[in-house]
């Protein structure tokens, strides 16, 4: 019985204790890494409010550009219609 008890104690002290200690160290390191990652994310990434504000500004700007393009397109179409009318009048003469 003493031999089994000695082998068990040897197994625990040589194998299991270092493995469990290594696991605890690894868990603590992972916990620290996660904490640093959360801090980095909070410091360097935009908040949802800022992203929404930027989206609204970009949308407003794109709508202004679209209105300008529509106006230019209508002016071009009107000018093209006048040119076509003047060409047909010249062709008739």
Protein backbone atom coordinates (compact mmCIF):
# COMPACT_ATOMS: atom_id res chain seq x y z
CA UNK A 1 0.00 0.00 0.00
CA UNK A 2 2.92 2.31 0.72
CA UNK A 3 4.29 1.76 -2.80
CA UNK A 4 0.99 2.89 -4.38
CA UNK A 5 0.85 5.86 -2.06
CA UNK A 6 4.43 6.84 -2.92
CA UNK A 7 3.78 6.45 -6.64
CA UNK A 8 0.64 8.54 -6.35
CA UNK A 9 2.49 11.27 -4.46
CA UNK A 10 5.31 11.15 -7.01
CA UNK A 11 2.79 11.42 -9.86
CA UNK A 12 1.03 14.35 -8.26
CA UNK A 13 4.20 16.23 -7.35
CA UNK A 14 6.09 15.60 -10.61
CA UNK A 15 3.33 15.60 -13.21
CA UNK A 16 0.05 17.10 -12.05
CA UNK A 17 1.20 20.04 -9.92
CA UNK A 18 3.43 21.55 -12.66
CA UNK A 19 0.70 21.05 -15.26
CA UNK A 20 -1.93 22.71 -13.09
CA UNK A 21 0.48 25.53 -12.20
CA UNK A 22 1.24 26.05 -15.90
CA UNK A 23 -2.49 26.15 -16.67
CA UNK A 24 -3.09 28.78 -14.00
CA UNK A 25 -0.21 30.87 -15.35
CA UNK A 26 -1.56 30.55 -18.88
CA UNK A 27 -5.09 31.49 -17.78
CA UNK A 28 -3.73 34.57 -16.01
CA UNK A 29 -1.76 35.58 -19.12
CA UNK A 30 -4.84 35.13 -21.31
CA UNK A 31 -6.87 37.21 -18.87
CA UNK A 32 -4.26 40.00 -19.03
CA UNK A 33 -4.14 39.83 -22.83
CA UNK A 34 -7.92 40.10 -23.01
CA UNK A 35 -7.89 43.05 -20.66
CA UNK A 36 -5.25 44.83 -22.75
CA UNK A 37 -7.20 44.06 -25.90
CA UNK A 38 -10.37 45.57 -24.43
CA UNK A 39 -8.46 48.69 -23.38
CA UNK A 40 -6.90 49.01 -26.84
CA UNK A 41 -10.29 48.62 -28.49
CA UNK A 42 -11.86 51.24 -26.24
CA UNK A 43 -9.05 53.71 -26.91
CA UNK A 44 -8.52 53.35 -30.65
CA UNK A 45 -11.77 52.30 -32.25
CA UNK A 46 -14.64 54.63 -32.99
CA UNK A 47 -17.76 54.46 -30.91
CA UNK A 48 -21.06 53.58 -32.51
CA UNK A 49 -22.21 57.18 -32.05
CA UNK A 50 -19.21 58.53 -33.98
CA UNK A 51 -19.71 56.04 -36.79
CA UNK A 52 -23.40 56.97 -37.04
CA UNK A 53 -22.51 60.68 -37.08
CA UNK A 54 -19.96 60.09 -39.85
CA UNK A 55 -22.50 58.09 -41.84
CA UNK A 56 -25.02 60.95 -41.62
CA UNK A 57 -22.42 63.48 -42.78
CA UNK A 58 -21.36 61.29 -45.70
CA UNK A 59 -24.95 60.63 -46.71
CA UNK A 60 -25.75 64.36 -46.66
CA UNK A 61 -22.67 65.11 -48.75
CA UNK A 62 -23.48 62.37 -51.27
CA UNK A 63 -27.04 63.69 -51.58
CA UNK A 64 -25.66 67.19 -52.35
CA UNK A 65 -23.41 65.70 -55.02
CA UNK A 66 -26.33 63.78 -56.47
CA UNK A 67 -28.44 66.96 -56.66
CA UNK A 68 -25.61 68.77 -58.46
CA UNK A 69 -25.26 65.91 -60.94
CA UNK A 70 -29.01 65.89 -61.55
CA UNK A 71 -28.97 69.64 -62.21
CA UNK A 72 -26.00 69.31 -64.56
CA UNK A 73 -27.67 66.40 -66.34
CA UNK A 74 -30.89 68.39 -66.83
CA UNK A 75 -28.92 71.38 -68.14
CA UNK A 76 -27.02 69.13 -70.53
CA UNK A 77 -30.24 67.54 -71.75
CA UNK A 78 -31.81 70.96 -72.28
CA UNK A 79 -28.75 72.21 -74.15
CA UNK A 80 -28.70 69.05 -76.28
CA UNK A 81 -32.38 69.56 -77.12
CA UNK A 82 -31.68 73.15 -78.24
CA UNK A 83 -28.78 71.99 -80.39
CA UNK A 84 -30.95 69.32 -81.97
CA UNK A 85 -33.71 71.90 -82.65
CA UNK A 86 -31.29 74.33 -84.26
CA UNK A 87 -29.79 71.54 -86.38
CA UNK A 88 -33.22 70.47 -87.62
CA UNK A 89 -34.05 74.08 -88.50
CA UNK A 90 -30.79 74.39 -90.44
CA UNK A 91 -31.48 71.08 -92.17
CA UNK A 92 -34.89 72.39 -93.29
CA UNK A 93 -33.37 75.51 -94.75
